[in-house]
Protein backbone atom coordinates (compact mmCIF):
# COMPACT_ATOMS: atom_id res chain seq x y z
CA MET A 1 29.37 17.53 17.12
CA THR A 2 28.82 13.95 18.23
CA LEU A 3 25.53 12.27 17.46
CA SER A 4 24.76 12.07 21.17
CA ALA A 5 25.27 15.84 21.44
CA TYR A 6 23.03 16.40 18.40
CA ILE A 7 20.28 14.31 20.00
CA THR A 8 20.64 16.13 23.32
CA ASP A 9 20.59 19.56 21.66
CA THR A 10 17.72 18.78 19.30
CA PHE A 11 15.56 16.59 21.52
CA GLY A 12 16.47 17.82 25.00
CA SER A 13 12.87 18.17 26.18
CA ILE A 14 11.95 14.70 24.87
CA LYS A 15 15.05 13.27 26.53
CA THR A 16 14.10 14.87 29.85
CA GLN A 17 10.41 13.96 29.68
CA LEU A 18 11.10 10.30 28.90
CA GLY A 19 13.96 10.06 31.41
CA TRP A 20 16.64 9.09 28.91
CA GLN A 21 20.09 8.75 30.42
CA ASP A 22 23.28 9.37 28.44
CA SER A 23 24.72 5.98 29.27
CA THR A 24 21.73 3.88 28.28
CA THR A 25 19.06 5.14 25.92
CA LEU A 26 21.27 7.54 23.97
CA VAL A 27 23.77 4.75 23.29
CA THR A 28 20.91 2.64 21.93
CA ILE A 29 19.58 5.47 19.75
CA VAL A 30 23.04 6.22 18.36
CA ALA A 31 23.53 2.51 17.58
CA LYS A 32 20.16 2.36 15.78
CA ALA A 33 20.97 5.48 13.75
CA LEU A 34 24.32 4.01 12.72
CA GLU A 35 22.57 0.76 11.81
CA LEU A 36 20.19 2.69 9.54
CA TYR A 37 23.07 4.63 7.97
CA PRO A 38 24.72 1.90 7.75
CA ALA A 39 28.05 2.59 9.43
CA ALA A 40 29.99 0.77 12.11
CA THR A 41 31.08 4.00 13.84
CA GLU A 42 30.21 7.69 13.81
CA ALA A 43 33.56 8.38 12.14
CA LEU A 44 32.45 6.29 9.16
CA ALA A 45 29.14 8.15 8.88
CA THR A 46 30.51 11.05 6.85
CA ASP A 47 27.24 12.61 5.59
CA GLU A 48 26.06 14.66 8.57
CA THR A 49 22.70 15.55 7.01
CA LYS A 50 21.96 11.88 6.40
CA LEU A 51 23.12 10.89 9.88
CA HIS A 52 20.95 13.51 11.56
CA ALA A 53 17.89 12.57 9.50
CA LEU A 54 18.34 8.92 10.44
CA ALA A 55 18.97 9.85 14.08
CA ASP A 56 15.65 11.72 14.09
CA VAL A 57 13.93 8.50 13.01
CA ALA A 58 15.76 6.52 15.69
CA VAL A 59 14.79 9.07 18.35
CA TRP A 60 11.07 8.94 17.52
CA ARG A 61 11.09 5.13 17.25
CA GLN A 62 12.63 4.95 20.72
CA ALA A 63 10.13 7.48 22.06
CA LEU A 64 7.23 5.48 20.65
CA ASN A 65 8.66 2.32 22.15
CA ASP A 66 8.97 4.02 25.55
CA VAL A 67 5.32 5.15 25.67
CA ALA A 68 3.79 2.12 23.94
CA LEU A 69 2.41 0.65 27.15
CA ASP A 70 0.90 3.90 28.45
CA TYR A 71 -2.88 3.80 28.46
CA ASP A 72 -5.84 6.10 28.96
CA PHE A 73 -7.57 5.92 32.32
CA GLY A 74 -9.95 7.75 34.57
CA ALA A 75 -9.74 8.26 38.32
CA ASP A 76 -11.22 10.64 40.87
CA ASN A 77 -13.59 12.17 38.32
CA ALA A 78 -10.69 12.96 35.98
CA SER A 79 -9.70 11.52 32.63
CA TYR A 80 -6.09 10.95 31.59
CA ARG A 81 -5.46 10.50 27.86
CA ARG A 82 -1.94 9.17 27.54
CA SER A 83 -2.77 8.06 24.00
CA GLN A 84 -2.49 11.71 22.97
CA GLN A 85 1.26 11.46 23.62
CA THR A 86 1.44 8.33 21.45
CA ASP A 87 -0.47 10.06 18.65
CA ILE A 88 1.92 13.02 18.67
CA ILE A 89 4.98 10.76 18.66
CA ARG A 90 3.55 8.70 15.80
CA GLN A 91 3.07 11.87 13.75
CA ASN A 92 6.60 13.06 14.53
CA LEU A 93 7.94 9.62 13.58
CA ALA A 94 6.05 9.71 10.28
CA ASP A 95 7.43 13.20 9.56
CA ALA A 96 10.98 12.05 10.38
CA GLU A 97 10.62 8.95 8.22
CA ASN A 98 9.33 11.04 5.32
CA ALA A 99 12.29 13.40 5.63
CA ALA A 100 14.77 10.51 5.87
CA ILE A 101 13.31 8.16 3.26
CA VAL A 102 15.94 9.04 0.68
CA TYR A 103 18.62 7.98 3.16
CA MET A 104 17.07 4.69 4.20
CA PRO A 105 19.24 1.73 3.23
CA SER A 106 16.44 0.03 1.37
CA TRP A 107 13.33 1.73 0.15
CA THR A 108 11.23 1.36 -2.91
CA MET A 109 8.41 3.29 -4.40
CA SER A 110 5.57 1.50 -6.10
CA VAL A 111 3.05 3.05 -8.41
CA HIS A 112 -0.20 1.19 -8.89
CA GLN A 113 -2.51 1.92 -11.76
CA ALA A 114 -6.12 0.86 -11.62
CA ASP A 115 -7.63 0.07 -15.01
CA ASP A 116 -11.02 1.37 -13.98
CA ASN A 117 -9.91 4.91 -13.04
CA PRO A 118 -11.26 7.28 -15.73
CA ASP A 119 -8.35 9.70 -15.19
CA TRP A 120 -5.85 7.04 -16.27
CA ASN A 121 -7.72 5.79 -19.30
CA ALA A 122 -7.41 7.73 -22.50
């Protein structure tokens, strides 16, 4: 399965709702996923689990970018909270990033120890 097909199958409703076209946005998302992998082509991205996890991150980053300028507003005695969409996408992005962190090209984990925490002092 191509990465574009994976994105379409997995995120079809997101693709439709945000108006993504195969020839534009999907090409960008695939390129970003390959950049995260890193691989120059899909053929060189041999770990499918890794590629799909990184594609999930690329999808949600693109989705967040696409709705970033949406705003809440009220009209005709109604309230429209477009920020709810942004909140949901941010949560999905965080979940995707957490799932893909082991595949990210550069990540580090830091542990900080405070001297004044009674649990850490013997």
